[in-house]
């Protein structure tokens, strides 16, 4: 997954994907820019074509880094699947949310 944050919380999401989950590559955007505010000639997100190409090569290419990233993504996929199975932690949370809404409708 290539991360290309534009606004505030997206930078935190990028850290999660790249540094914690280790399934992504950062394009290289370092700070947010509000569209329509400030110098009208200023580009909102400054990333060069070469930087994007480099990230895509890292993502699509083989090698140890790419193999590790793909293996990690497979592990997370399996954990997510298990969590959504009946009795799994996410399944339970979803059921609790549904029950909460249904109880509120009955009142």
Protein backbone atom coordinates (compact mmCIF):
# COMPACT_ATOMS: atom_id res chain seq x y z
CA UNK A 1 0.00 0.00 0.00
CA UNK A 2 1.34 3.39 -0.96
CA UNK A 3 0.52 6.11 1.54
CA UNK A 4 0.02 9.67 0.30
CA UNK A 5 -1.48 11.70 3.15
CA UNK A 6 -3.04 15.09 2.44
CA UNK A 7 -4.73 16.11 5.68
CA UNK A 8 -4.18 15.88 9.41
CA UNK A 9 -5.19 12.41 10.61
CA UNK A 10 -3.96 10.82 7.39
CA UNK A 11 -0.40 11.34 8.62
CA UNK A 12 -1.20 9.27 11.71
CA UNK A 13 -2.80 6.61 9.51
CA UNK A 14 0.37 6.60 7.42
CA UNK A 15 2.47 5.89 10.51
CA UNK A 16 0.16 3.00 11.39
CA UNK A 17 0.39 1.45 7.92
CA UNK A 18 4.13 2.01 7.39
CA UNK A 19 5.73 1.86 10.84
CA UNK A 20 3.38 -0.27 12.95
CA UNK A 21 1.65 -2.70 10.59
CA UNK A 22 4.60 -2.65 8.17
CA UNK A 23 2.47 -3.18 5.07
CA UNK A 24 2.97 0.14 3.28
CA UNK A 25 5.48 2.52 1.77
CA UNK A 26 5.31 6.29 2.31
CA UNK A 27 5.35 8.45 -0.82
CA UNK A 28 7.12 11.19 1.08
CA UNK A 29 4.59 13.92 1.88
CA UNK A 30 5.79 15.56 5.07
CA UNK A 31 3.20 18.19 5.99
CA UNK A 32 -0.46 18.93 5.38
CA UNK A 33 -1.54 21.74 3.08
CA UNK A 34 -5.01 23.26 3.12
CA UNK A 35 -6.39 23.69 -0.37
CA UNK A 36 -7.37 27.26 -1.20
CA UNK A 37 -5.52 28.78 1.75
CA UNK A 38 -2.27 30.67 1.38
CA UNK A 39 -0.30 31.33 -1.79
CA UNK A 40 -2.46 30.34 -4.77
CA UNK A 41 0.64 29.31 -6.71
CA UNK A 42 1.72 26.86 -4.04
CA UNK A 43 1.23 23.21 -4.93
CA UNK A 44 -0.93 21.43 -2.36
CA UNK A 45 1.11 18.23 -2.13
CA UNK A 46 4.72 18.33 -3.16
CA UNK A 47 5.90 14.95 -4.40
CA UNK A 48 7.97 14.47 -7.51
CA UNK A 49 7.36 11.97 -10.27
CA UNK A 50 10.67 10.31 -9.37
CA UNK A 51 9.55 9.86 -5.75
CA UNK A 52 6.31 8.20 -6.85
CA UNK A 53 8.22 5.95 -9.25
CA UNK A 54 10.62 4.92 -6.48
CA UNK A 55 7.73 4.01 -4.16
CA UNK A 56 5.97 2.00 -6.87
CA UNK A 57 9.15 0.09 -7.62
CA UNK A 58 9.50 -0.75 -3.92
CA UNK A 59 5.88 -1.88 -3.76
CA UNK A 60 5.77 -3.89 -6.96
CA UNK A 61 9.27 -5.25 -6.91
CA UNK A 62 10.45 -8.41 -5.29
CA UNK A 63 13.27 -8.66 -2.82
CA UNK A 64 13.21 -9.23 0.89
CA UNK A 65 11.43 -5.97 1.73
CA UNK A 66 8.54 -6.63 -0.66
CA UNK A 67 8.29 -10.28 0.35
CA UNK A 68 8.14 -9.35 4.04
CA UNK A 69 5.47 -6.71 3.37
CA UNK A 70 3.31 -9.17 1.41
CA UNK A 71 3.71 -11.88 4.06
CA UNK A 72 2.73 -9.42 6.78
CA UNK A 73 -0.36 -8.40 4.78
CA UNK A 74 -1.36 -12.07 4.50
CA UNK A 75 -0.97 -12.51 8.27
CA UNK A 76 -3.14 -9.46 8.95
CA UNK A 77 -5.74 -10.68 6.45
CA UNK A 78 -6.02 -13.97 8.33
CA UNK A 79 -6.30 -12.20 11.70
CA UNK A 80 -9.06 -9.96 10.33
CA UNK A 81 -10.91 -12.96 8.93
CA UNK A 82 -10.72 -14.75 12.28
CA UNK A 83 -11.89 -11.66 14.14
CA UNK A 84 -15.01 -11.43 11.96
CA UNK A 85 -15.93 -15.11 12.30
CA UNK A 86 -18.80 -15.89 14.63
CA UNK A 87 -17.48 -15.56 18.16
CA UNK A 88 -14.46 -13.49 17.08
CA UNK A 89 -13.64 -10.19 18.78
CA UNK A 90 -14.84 -7.98 15.92
CA UNK A 91 -17.94 -10.11 15.42
CA UNK A 92 -18.79 -9.65 19.09
CA UNK A 93 -18.26 -5.90 18.85
CA UNK A 94 -20.47 -5.66 15.78
CA UNK A 95 -23.19 -7.71 17.48
CA UNK A 96 -23.02 -5.42 20.52
CA UNK A 97 -23.40 -2.35 18.30
CA UNK A 98 -26.37 -3.88 16.46
CA UNK A 99 -28.04 -4.86 19.73
CA UNK A 100 -27.49 -1.36 21.14
CA UNK A 101 -29.20 0.24 18.13
CA UNK A 102 -32.07 -2.25 18.21
CA UNK A 103 -32.63 -1.66 21.92
CA UNK A 104 -32.72 2.12 21.37
CA UNK A 105 -35.29 1.72 18.59
CA UNK A 106 -37.59 -0.25 20.86
CA UNK A 107 -37.68 2.53 23.49
